[in-house]
């Protein structure tokens, strides 16, 4: 299957030619398949936010290329706006970008700029609102009357209404309470399941990544440290911890049990998997 995104030897250098020169990402290469749910994780300063801002042309590479369905997104700079409709980026704290008089107008801003109008525009707005968990009664309210979690859903709906082929989310649950985080991630999973679109999730939470991603990209010091399925990545839990990164809480529990002699897989990363292994041991069997 042809990748929807290909990042080839991407480097982005800030303050080039000055004493403050530094590369936020350096010679990074990877591909993303259509319909994939990719998690991106790394400590502060690892290059996560810089990397994803290249995916829809908000930043231009110092060197290297970003290909969208095989075409360099910077091949025709005047068409970079079209790339941003196809690769939708939800920033961290996106509620700070709300500005319209009503929620409906805020959600409709992107698709309106794409040329959608009338019934087509209304369909895009209402479908996006439903998927993002924005209630009908909120559509005619000012976005500034809403709670933080509700504003976050409005901002997400504004990107979903453009019906992007790739949805990129930069720490979408930052600052929300546990219930708000869980609800918003459920909305994102609903979108992924219903639309079959490609999702790229940047998060500081290993638990959030473990529960949602099919594949994980781990960044460290502007480079890719790991790239694999959750099982492959968390099998290297000691290496992750040694690099100053975290692992899911359930992995920590499994590692502690293994060190105490309990024969469980220390790379387990979901509560259900650990429960299954412990139940098997309790019945006298081997862990699954």
C-alpha atoms as a PDB file:
ATOM      1  CA  UNK A   1       0.000   0.000   0.000  1.00  0.00           C
ATOM      2  CA  UNK A   2       1.299   3.434  -0.970  1.00  0.00           C
ATOM      3  CA  UNK A   3       2.130   5.549   2.131  1.00  0.00           C
ATOM      4  CA  UNK A   4      -0.034   8.615   2.569  1.00  0.00           C
ATOM      5  CA  UNK A   5       2.908  10.480   4.106  1.00  0.00           C
ATOM      6  CA  UNK A   6       6.627   9.987   3.614  1.00  0.00           C
ATOM      7  CA  UNK A   7       9.191  11.973   5.549  1.00  0.00           C
ATOM      8  CA  UNK A   8      12.591  11.715   3.901  1.00  0.00           C
ATOM      9  CA  UNK A   9      15.804  12.815   5.656  1.00  0.00           C
ATOM     10  CA  UNK A  10      14.027  15.751   7.281  1.00  0.00           C
ATOM     11  CA  UNK A  11      16.157  18.307   9.101  1.00  0.00           C
ATOM     12  CA  UNK A  12      14.977  21.602  10.554  1.00  0.00           C
ATOM     13  CA  UNK A  13      17.560  23.994  11.927  1.00  0.00           C
ATOM     14  CA  UNK A  14      16.670  27.063  13.958  1.00  0.00           C
ATOM     15  CA  UNK A  15      18.857  30.202  14.002  1.00  0.00           C
ATOM     16  CA  UNK A  16      21.142  28.835  11.270  1.00  0.00           C
ATOM     17  CA  UNK A  17      24.477  30.608  11.026  1.00  0.00           C
ATOM     18  CA  UNK A  18      24.277  32.065  14.536  1.00  0.00           C
ATOM     19  CA  UNK A  19      25.762  30.933  17.870  1.00  0.00           C
ATOM     20  CA  UNK A  20      22.249  29.736  18.768  1.00  0.00           C
ATOM     21  CA  UNK A  21      21.988  27.304  15.841  1.00  0.00           C
ATOM     22  CA  UNK A  22      20.337  24.011  16.705  1.00  0.00           C
ATOM     23  CA  UNK A  23      18.528  21.265  14.830  1.00  0.00           C
ATOM     24  CA  UNK A  24      15.118  20.435  16.315  1.00  0.00           C
ATOM     25  CA  UNK A  25      14.820  17.420  14.006  1.00  0.00           C
ATOM     26  CA  UNK A  26      17.797  15.931  12.220  1.00  0.00           C
ATOM     27  CA  UNK A  27      17.818  13.470   9.300  1.00  0.00           C
ATOM     28  CA  UNK A  28      14.454  11.952  10.285  1.00  0.00           C
ATOM     29  CA  UNK A  29      12.795   9.463   7.921  1.00  0.00           C
ATOM     30  CA  UNK A  30       9.585   7.439   8.291  1.00  0.00           C
ATOM     31  CA  UNK A  31       6.340   6.680   6.435  1.00  0.00           C
ATOM     32  CA  UNK A  32       2.698   6.682   7.503  1.00  0.00           C
ATOM     33  CA  UNK A  33       0.139   4.332   5.922  1.00  0.00           C
ATOM     34  CA  UNK A  34      -3.450   5.280   5.054  1.00  0.00           C
ATOM     35  CA  UNK A  35      -5.749   4.610   8.009  1.00  0.00           C
ATOM     36  CA  UNK A  36      -2.882   4.179  10.472  1.00  0.00           C
ATOM     37  CA  UNK A  37      -3.066   5.520  14.042  1.00  0.00           C
ATOM     38  CA  UNK A  38       0.490   6.645  14.780  1.00  0.00           C
ATOM     39  CA  UNK A  39       1.597   7.782  18.227  1.00  0.00           C
ATOM     40  CA  UNK A  40       4.539  10.170  18.558  1.00  0.00           C
ATOM     41  CA  UNK A  41       6.209  10.518  21.923  1.00  0.00           C
ATOM     42  CA  UNK A  42       9.337  12.049  23.384  1.00  0.00           C
ATOM     43  CA  UNK A  43      10.477  14.283  26.195  1.00  0.00           C
ATOM     44  CA  UNK A  44      10.248  18.099  26.003  1.00  0.00           C
ATOM     45  CA  UNK A  45      12.639  19.372  23.360  1.00  0.00           C
ATOM     46  CA  UNK A  46      12.833  16.060  21.488  1.00  0.00           C
ATOM     47  CA  UNK A  47      11.449  17.625  18.292  1.00  0.00           C
ATOM     48  CA  UNK A  48       7.821  16.397  18.332  1.00  0.00           C
ATOM     49  CA  UNK A  49       6.095  19.718  17.697  1.00  0.00           C
ATOM     50  CA  UNK A  50       8.642  20.848  15.124  1.00  0.00           C
ATOM     51  CA  UNK A  51       8.265  17.550  13.278  1.00  0.00           C
ATOM     52  CA  UNK A  52       4.487  17.647  12.986  1.00  0.00           C
ATOM     53  CA  UNK A  53       4.451  21.290  11.846  1.00  0.00           C
ATOM     54  CA  UNK A  54       6.263  20.090   8.709  1.00  0.00           C
ATOM     55  CA  UNK A  55       3.505  17.616   7.853  1.00  0.00           C
ATOM     56  CA  UNK A  56       1.133  20.299   6.573  1.00  0.00           C
ATOM     57  CA  UNK A  57       3.693  22.916   5.572  1.00  0.00           C
ATOM     58  CA  UNK A  58       3.572  25.248   8.571  1.00  0.00           C
ATOM     59  CA  UNK A  59       7.348  24.831   8.637  1.00  0.00           C
ATOM     60  CA  UNK A  60       9.575  24.305   5.618  1.00  0.00           C
ATOM     61  CA  UNK A  61      12.433  21.786   5.917  1.00  0.00           C
ATOM     62  CA  UNK A  62      15.982  23.063   6.108  1.00  0.00           C
ATOM     63  CA  UNK A  63      16.719  19.900   4.151  1.00  0.00           C
ATOM     64  CA  UNK A  64      14.802  16.759   3.244  1.00  0.00           C
ATOM     65  CA  UNK A  65      11.260  16.315   1.945  1.00  0.00           C
ATOM     66  CA  UNK A  66       7.694  15.656   3.053  1.00  0.00           C
ATOM     67  CA  UNK A  67       5.650  13.715   0.484  1.00  0.00           C
ATOM     68  CA  UNK A  68       1.840  13.603   0.546  1.00  0.00           C
ATOM     69  CA  UNK A  69       0.645  10.665  -1.579  1.00  0.00           C
ATOM     70  CA  UNK A  70       4.018  10.649  -3.306  1.00  0.00           C
ATOM     71  CA  UNK A  71       4.222  14.378  -4.080  1.00  0.00           C
ATOM     72  CA  UNK A  72       6.581  16.843  -2.381  1.00  0.00           C
ATOM     73  CA  UNK A  73       4.301  19.276  -0.532  1.00  0.00           C
ATOM     74  CA  UNK A  74       6.696  22.120  -1.381  1.00  0.00           C
ATOM     75  CA  UNK A  75       6.891  21.285  -5.113  1.00  0.00           C
ATOM     76  CA  UNK A  76       4.381  24.080  -5.739  1.00  0.00           C
ATOM     77  CA  UNK A  77       4.645  26.564  -2.842  1.00  0.00           C
ATOM     78  CA  UNK A  78       1.575  28.506  -3.985  1.00  0.00           C
ATOM     79  CA  UNK A  79      -0.539  25.377  -3.345  1.00  0.00           C
ATOM     80  CA  UNK A  80       0.642  24.775   0.231  1.00  0.00           C
ATOM     81  CA  UNK A  81      -2.781  26.008   1.443  1.00  0.00           C
ATOM     82  CA  UNK A  82      -4.370  22.976  -0.229  1.00  0.00           C
ATOM     83  CA  UNK A  83      -2.005  20.706   1.727  1.00  0.00           C
ATOM     84  CA  UNK A  84      -3.272  22.247   4.970  1.00  0.00           C
ATOM     85  CA  UNK A  85      -6.829  21.285   4.051  1.00  0.00           C
ATOM     86  CA  UNK A  86      -5.722  17.687   3.428  1.00  0.00           C
ATOM     87  CA  UNK A  87      -3.519  17.412   6.534  1.00  0.00           C
ATOM     88  CA  UNK A  88      -5.417  18.946   9.444  1.00  0.00           C
ATOM     89  CA  UNK A  89      -3.404  20.008  12.481  1.00  0.00           C
ATOM     90  CA  UNK A  90      -4.964  20.534  15.909  1.00  0.00           C
ATOM     91  CA  UNK A  91      -2.521  22.520  18.037  1.00  0.00           C
ATOM     92  CA  UNK A  92      -1.922  22.146  21.743  1.00  0.00           C
ATOM     93  CA  UNK A  93      -4.501  24.307  23.574  1.00  0.00           C
ATOM     94  CA  UNK A  94      -6.462  24.887  20.327  1.00  0.00           C
ATOM     95  CA  UNK A  95      -9.236  26.660  22.221  1.00  0.00           C
ATOM     96  CA  UNK A  96      -6.978  29.737  22.233  1.00  0.00           C
ATOM     97  CA  UNK A  97      -7.606  29.976  18.471  1.00  0.00           C
ATOM     98  CA  UNK A  98     -11.408  30.246  18.729  1.00  0.00           C
ATOM     99  CA  UNK A  99     -12.575  33.663  17.594  1.00  0.00           C
ATOM    100  CA  UNK A 100     -16.009  33.601  15.913  1.00  0.00           C
ATOM    101  CA  UNK A 101     -19.320  34.812  17.370  1.00  0.00           C
ATOM    102  CA  UNK A 102     -20.831  31.331  17.526  1.00  0.00           C
ATOM    103  CA  UNK A 103     -19.622  27.749  17.731  1.00  0.00           C
ATOM    104  CA  UNK A 104     -21.260  27.026  14.356  1.00  0.00           C
ATOM    105  CA  UNK A 105     -19.325  29.854  12.665  1.00  0.00           C
ATOM    106  CA  UNK A 106     -16.066  28.722  14.253  1.00  0.00           C
ATOM    107  CA  UNK A 107     -16.497  25.145  13.017  1.00  0.00           C
ATOM    108  CA  UNK A 108     -17.513  26.371   9.560  1.00  0.00           C
ATOM    109  CA  UNK A 109     -14.492  28.671   9.119  1.00  0.00           C
ATOM    110  CA  UNK A 110     -12.177  26.040   7.594  1.00  0.00           C
ATOM    111  CA  UNK A 111     -14.632  24.386   5.196  1.00  0.00           C
ATOM    112  CA  UNK A 112     -15.922  27.842   4.144  1.00  0.00           C
ATOM    113  CA  UNK A 113     -12.389  28.755   3.112  1.00  0.00           C
ATOM    114  CA  UNK A 114     -12.284  25.547   1.090  1.00  0.00           C
ATOM    115  CA  UNK A 115     -15.264  26.832  -0.902  1.00  0.00           C
ATOM    116  CA  UNK A 116     -17.996  24.782   0.775  1.00  0.00           C
ATOM    117  CA  UNK A 117     -21.366  26.486   1.123  1.00  0.00           C
ATOM    118  CA  UNK A 118     -25.068  25.831   1.661  1.00  0.00           C
ATOM    119  CA  UNK A 119     -26.178  22.294   2.445  1.00  0.00           C
ATOM    120  CA  UNK A 120     -22.691  20.845   1.930  1.00  0.00           C
ATOM    121  CA  UNK A 121     -21.208  23.263   4.479  1.00  0.00           C
ATOM    122  CA  UNK A 122     -24.011  22.561   6.959  1.00  0.00           C
ATOM    123  CA  UNK A 123     -23.458  18.813   6.593  1.00  0.00           C
ATOM    124  CA  UNK A 124     -19.692  19.178   7.223  1.00  0.00           C
ATOM    125  CA  UNK A 125     -20.256  21.339  10.305  1.00  0.00           C
ATOM    126  CA  UNK A 126     -22.926  19.140  11.883  1.00  0.00           C
ATOM    127  CA  UNK A 127     -21.137  15.850  11.164  1.00  0.00           C
ATOM    128  CA  UNK A 128     -17.882  17.198  12.586  1.00  0.00           C
ATOM    129  CA  UNK A 129     -19.682  18.541  15.651  1.00  0.00           C
ATOM    130  CA  UNK A 130     -21.341  15.172  16.246  1.00  0.00           C
ATOM    131  CA  UNK A 131     -18.084  13.228  15.916  1.00  0.00           C
ATOM    132  CA  UNK A 132     -16.227  15.680  18.177  1.00  0.00           C
ATOM    133  CA  UNK A 133     -18.959  15.524  20.815  1.00  0.00           C
ATOM    134  CA  UNK A 134     -20.239  19.094  20.385  1.00  0.00           C
ATOM    135  CA  UNK A 135     -23.916  19.239  21.335  1.00  0.00           C
ATOM    136  CA  UNK A 136     -26.494  20.765  18.987  1.00  0.00           C
ATOM    137  CA  UNK A 137     -27.572  23.266  21.638  1.00  0.00           C
ATOM    138  CA  UNK A 138     -24.012  24.659  21.768  1.00  0.00           C
ATOM    139  CA  UNK A 139     -23.799  25.465  18.047  1.00  0.00           C
ATOM    140  CA  UNK A 140     -25.439  28.887  18.389  1.00  0.00           C
ATOM    141  CA  UNK A 141     -23.635  29.787  21.608  1.00  0.00           C
ATOM    142  CA  UNK A 142     -20.483  31.870  21.829  1.00  0.00           C
ATOM    143  CA  UNK A 143     -17.482  29.529  22.126  1.00  0.00           C
ATOM    144  CA  UNK A 144     -16.303  31.674  25.030  1.00  0.00           C
ATOM    145  CA  UNK A 145     -19.301  30.562  27.125  1.00  0.00           C
ATOM    146  CA  UNK A 146     -18.137  26.947  27.038  1.00  0.00           C
ATOM    147  CA  UNK A 147     -15.934  24.980  29.411  1.00  0.00           C
ATOM    148  CA  UNK A 148     -12.326  24.166  28.553  1.00  0.00           C
ATOM    149  CA  UNK A 149     -13.183  20.630  27.445  1.00  0.00           C
ATOM    150  CA  UNK A 150     -16.098  21.854  25.315  1.00  0.00           C
ATOM    151  CA  UNK A 151     -13.877  24.470  23.653  1.00  0.00           C
ATOM    152  CA  UNK A 152     -11.352  21.728  22.871  1.00  0.00           C
ATOM    153  CA  UNK A 153     -14.090  19.746  21.114  1.00  0.00           C
ATOM    154  CA  UNK A 154     -15.131  22.797  19.090  1.00  0.00           C
ATOM    155  CA  UNK A 155     -11.539  23.319  17.944  1.00  0.00           C
ATOM    156  CA  UNK A 156     -11.293  19.629  16.978  1.00  0.00           C
ATOM    157  CA  UNK A 157     -14.595  19.857  15.098  1.00  0.00           C
ATOM    158  CA  UNK A 158     -13.255  22.859  13.177  1.00  0.00           C
ATOM    159  CA  UNK A 159     -10.471  20.698  11.755  1.00  0.00           C
ATOM    160  CA  UNK A 160     -12.682  17.622  11.226  1.00  0.00           C
ATOM    161  CA  UNK A 161     -15.141  19.757   9.243  1.00  0.00           C
ATOM    162  CA  UNK A 162     -12.469  20.159   6.553  1.00  0.00           C
ATOM    163  CA  UNK A 163     -12.565  16.352   6.214  1.00  0.00           C
ATOM    164  CA  UNK A 164      -8.768  15.996   6.152  1.00  0.00           C
ATOM    165  CA  UNK A 165      -7.128  12.808   4.931  1.00  0.00           C
ATOM    166  CA  UNK A 166      -4.651  13.047   7.821  1.00  0.00           C
ATOM    167  CA  UNK A 167      -5.533  14.353  11.296  1.00  0.00           C
ATOM    168  CA  UNK A 168      -2.534  15.495  13.366  1.00  0.00           C
ATOM    169  CA  UNK A 169      -3.112  16.155  17.073  1.00  0.00           C
ATOM    170  CA  UNK A 170      -0.536  17.904  19.250  1.00  0.00           C
ATOM    171  CA  UNK A 171      -1.187  17.026  22.918  1.00  0.00           C
ATOM    172  CA  UNK A 172      -4.992  17.233  22.445  1.00  0.00           C
ATOM    173  CA  UNK A 173      -5.802  16.332  26.067  1.00  0.00           C
ATOM    174  CA  UNK A 174      -3.252  18.626  27.767  1.00  0.00           C
ATOM    175  CA  UNK A 175      -4.772  20.473  30.687  1.00  0.00           C
ATOM    176  CA  UNK A 176      -7.998  18.454  30.797  1.00  0.00           C
ATOM    177  CA  UNK A 177      -9.167  16.484  33.829  1.00  0.00           C
ATOM    178  CA  UNK A 178      -9.142  12.652  33.618  1.00  0.00           C
ATOM    179  CA  UNK A 179     -12.801  12.449  32.518  1.00  0.00           C
ATOM    180  CA  UNK A 180     -12.228  15.144  29.887  1.00  0.00           C
ATOM    181  CA  UNK A 181      -9.151  13.345  28.546  1.00  0.00           C
ATOM    182  CA  UNK A 182     -10.998  10.052  28.310  1.00  0.00           C
ATOM    183  CA  UNK A 183     -14.020  11.593  26.575  1.00  0.00           C
ATOM    184  CA  UNK A 184     -11.938  13.505  24.032  1.00  0.00           C
ATOM    185  CA  UNK A 185      -9.842  10.447  23.160  1.00  0.00           C
ATOM    186  CA  UNK A 186     -13.071   8.446  22.737  1.00  0.00           C
ATOM    187  CA  UNK A 187     -14.216  11.113  20.238  1.00  0.00           C
ATOM    188  CA  UNK A 188     -10.924  10.811  18.342  1.00  0.00           C
ATOM    189  CA  UNK A 189     -11.220   7.017  18.260  1.00  0.00           C
ATOM    190  CA  UNK A 190     -14.805   7.375  16.975  1.00  0.00           C
ATOM    191  CA  UNK A 191     -13.505   9.579  14.157  1.00  0.00           C
ATOM    192  CA  UNK A 192     -10.776   7.074  13.315  1.00  0.00           C
ATOM    193  CA  UNK A 193     -13.225   4.181  13.287  1.00  0.00           C
ATOM    194  CA  UNK A 194     -16.006   5.951  11.363  1.00  0.00           C
ATOM    195  CA  UNK A 195     -13.889   7.738   8.759  1.00  0.00           C
ATOM    196  CA  UNK A 196     -10.944   5.350   8.492  1.00  0.00           C
ATOM    197  CA  UNK A 197      -8.673   8.377   8.253  1.00  0.00           C
ATOM    198  CA  UNK A 198      -5.031   8.559   9.252  1.00  0.00           C
ATOM    199  CA  UNK A 199      -4.394   9.894  12.768  1.00  0.00           C
ATOM    200  CA  UNK A 200      -1.064  11.096  14.160  1.00  0.00           C
ATOM    201  CA  UNK A 201      -1.216  11.679  17.915  1.00  0.00           C
ATOM    202  CA  UNK A 202       1.526  13.527  19.788  1.00  0.00           C
ATOM    203  CA  UNK A 203       1.300  12.988  23.525  1.00  0.00           C
ATOM    204  CA  UNK A 204       3.453  13.151  26.637  1.00  0.00           C
ATOM    205  CA  UNK A 205       1.357  10.317  28.087  1.00  0.00           C
ATOM    206  CA  UNK A 206       2.623   6.814  27.396  1.00  0.00           C
ATOM    207  CA  UNK A 207      -0.666   5.430  28.736  1.00  0.00           C
ATOM    208  CA  UNK A 208      -2.633   7.480  26.201  1.00  0.00           C
ATOM    209  CA  UNK A 209      -0.369   6.360  23.377  1.00  0.00           C
ATOM    210  CA  UNK A 210      -0.458   2.703  24.501  1.00  0.00           C
ATOM    211  CA  UNK A 211      -4.275   2.640  24.572  1.00  0.00           C
ATOM    212  CA  UNK A 212      -4.779   4.235  21.176  1.00  0.00           C
ATOM    213  CA  UNK A 213      -1.873   3.864  18.752  1.00  0.00           C
ATOM    214  CA  UNK A 214      -1.220   1.011  16.307  1.00  0.00           C
ATOM    215  CA  UNK A 215       2.400   2.109  16.008  1.00  0.00           C
ATOM    216  CA  UNK A 216       4.677   4.326  18.065  1.00  0.00           C
ATOM    217  CA  UNK A 217       7.462   6.677  17.028  1.00  0.00           C
ATOM    218  CA  UNK A 218       9.778   7.608  19.903  1.00  0.00           C
ATOM    219  CA  UNK A 219      11.891  10.755  19.481  1.00  0.00           C
ATOM    220  CA  UNK A 220      14.985  11.661  21.448  1.00  0.00           C
ATOM    221  CA  UNK A 221      17.292  14.610  20.858  1.00  0.00           C
ATOM    222  CA  UNK A 222      15.956  15.367  17.359  1.00  0.00           C
ATOM    223  CA  UNK A 223      16.277  11.738  16.167  1.00  0.00           C
ATOM    224  CA  UNK A 224      14.066   8.642  16.044  1.00  0.00           C
ATOM    225  CA  UNK A 225      14.970   6.356  18.938  1.00  0.00           C
ATOM    226  CA  UNK A 226      12.328   3.679  18.259  1.00  0.00           C
ATOM    227  CA  UNK A 227       9.685   2.918  15.644  1.00  0.00           C
ATOM    228  CA  UNK A 228       7.398  -0.075  16.070  1.00  0.00           C
ATOM    229  CA  UNK A 229       4.182  -1.540  17.415  1.00  0.00           C
ATOM    230  CA  UNK A 230       3.341  -0.887  21.082  1.00  0.00           C
ATOM    231  CA  UNK A 231       4.475  -4.445  21.907  1.00  0.00           C
ATOM    232  CA  UNK A 232       7.836  -3.874  20.181  1.00  0.00           C
ATOM    233  CA  UNK A 233       8.399  -0.499  21.823  1.00  0.00           C
ATOM    234  CA  UNK A 234       7.411  -1.503  25.350  1.00  0.00           C
ATOM    235  CA  UNK A 235       9.542  -4.632  25.106  1.00  0.00           C
ATOM    236  CA  UNK A 236      12.361  -2.066  25.384  1.00  0.00           C
ATOM    237  CA  UNK A 237      10.924  -0.510  28.553  1.00  0.00           C
ATOM    238  CA  UNK A 238      14.258  -0.433  30.373  1.00  0.00           C
ATOM    239  CA  UNK A 239      15.792   1.432  27.438  1.00  0.00           C
ATOM    240  CA  UNK A 240      12.912   3.925  27.442  1.00  0.00           C
ATOM    241  CA  UNK A 241      13.359   4.572  31.155  1.00  0.00           C
ATOM    242  CA  UNK A 242      17.123   4.876  30.694  1.00  0.00           C
ATOM    243  CA  UNK A 243      16.529   7.520  28.047  1.00  0.00           C
ATOM    244  CA  UNK A 244      14.501   9.581  30.510  1.00  0.00           C
ATOM    245  CA  UNK A 245      11.171   8.601  28.977  1.00  0.00           C
ATOM    246  CA  UNK A 246       8.189   7.030  30.655  1.00  0.00           C
ATOM    247  CA  UNK A 247       6.335   3.755  30.166  1.00  0.00           C
ATOM    248  CA  UNK A 248       2.649   2.997  30.837  1.00  0.00           C
ATOM    249  CA  UNK A 249       1.807   2.532  34.504  1.00  0.00           C
ATOM    250  CA  UNK A 250       0.734  -1.048  33.859  1.00  0.00           C
ATOM    251  CA  UNK A 251       4.159  -1.771  32.335  1.00  0.00           C
ATOM    252  CA  UNK A 252       5.792  -0.486  35.522  1.00  0.00           C
ATOM    253  CA  UNK A 253       3.567  -2.840  37.540  1.00  0.00           C
ATOM    254  CA  UNK A 254       4.473  -5.795  35.301  1.00  0.00           C
ATOM    255  CA  UNK A 255       8.200  -4.956  35.531  1.00  0.00           C
ATOM    256  CA  UNK A 256       7.964  -4.828  39.331  1.00  0.00           C
ATOM    257  CA  UNK A 257       6.146  -8.186  39.421  1.00  0.00           C
ATOM    258  CA  UNK A 258       8.723  -9.774  37.114  1.00  0.00           C
ATOM    259  CA  UNK A 259      11.562  -8.534  39.360  1.00  0.00           C
ATOM    260  CA  UNK A 260       9.819 -10.223  42.297  1.00  0.00           C
ATOM    261  CA  UNK A 261       9.789 -13.509  40.431  1.00  0.00           C
ATOM    262  CA  UNK A 262       6.222 -13.490  39.112  1.00  0.00           C
ATOM    263  CA  UNK A 263       6.396 -15.039  35.620  1.00  0.00           C
ATOM    264  CA  UNK A 264       4.631 -12.256  33.670  1.00  0.00           C
ATOM    265  CA  UNK A 265       5.752 -10.480  30.533  1.00  0.00           C
ATOM    266  CA  UNK A 266       7.300  -7.199  31.755  1.00  0.00           C
ATOM    267  CA  UNK A 267       6.552  -5.568  28.376  1.00  0.00           C
ATOM    268  CA  UNK A 268       2.776  -5.809  28.869  1.00  0.00           C
ATOM    269  CA  UNK A 269       1.162  -2.410  28.251  1.00  0.00           C
ATOM    270  CA  UNK A 270      -2.604  -2.764  28.840  1.00  0.00           C
ATOM    271  CA  UNK A 271      -4.460  -3.687  32.052  1.00  0.00           C
ATOM    272  CA  UNK A 272      -6.414  -6.333  30.137  1.00  0.00           C
ATOM    273  CA  UNK A 273      -3.243  -8.138  29.032  1.00  0.00           C
ATOM    274  CA  UNK A 274      -1.787  -8.152  32.543  1.00  0.00           C
ATOM    275  CA  UNK A 275      -5.103  -9.356  33.981  1.00  0.00           C
ATOM    276  CA  UNK A 276      -5.186 -12.193  31.445  1.00  0.00           C
ATOM    277  CA  UNK A 277      -1.655 -13.266  32.391  1.00  0.00           C
ATOM    278  CA  UNK A 278      -2.380 -13.164  36.126  1.00  0.00           C
ATOM    279  CA  UNK A 279      -5.624 -15.107  35.710  1.00  0.00           C
ATOM    280  CA  UNK A 280      -3.732 -17.766  33.713  1.00  0.00           C
ATOM    281  CA  UNK A 281      -1.167 -18.036  36.511  1.00  0.00           C
ATOM    282  CA  UNK A 282      -3.926 -18.298  39.111  1.00  0.00           C
ATOM    283  CA  UNK A 283      -5.369 -21.258  37.218  1.00  0.00           C
ATOM    284  CA  UNK A 284      -2.011 -22.942  37.104  1.00  0.00           C
ATOM    285  CA  UNK A 285      -1.360 -22.178  33.429  1.00  0.00           C
ATOM    286  CA  UNK A 286       1.355 -20.262  31.707  1.00  0.00           C
ATOM    287  CA  UNK A 287       0.817 -16.544  30.998  1.00  0.00           C
ATOM    288  CA  UNK A 288      -0.580 -15.847  27.528  1.00  0.00           C
END
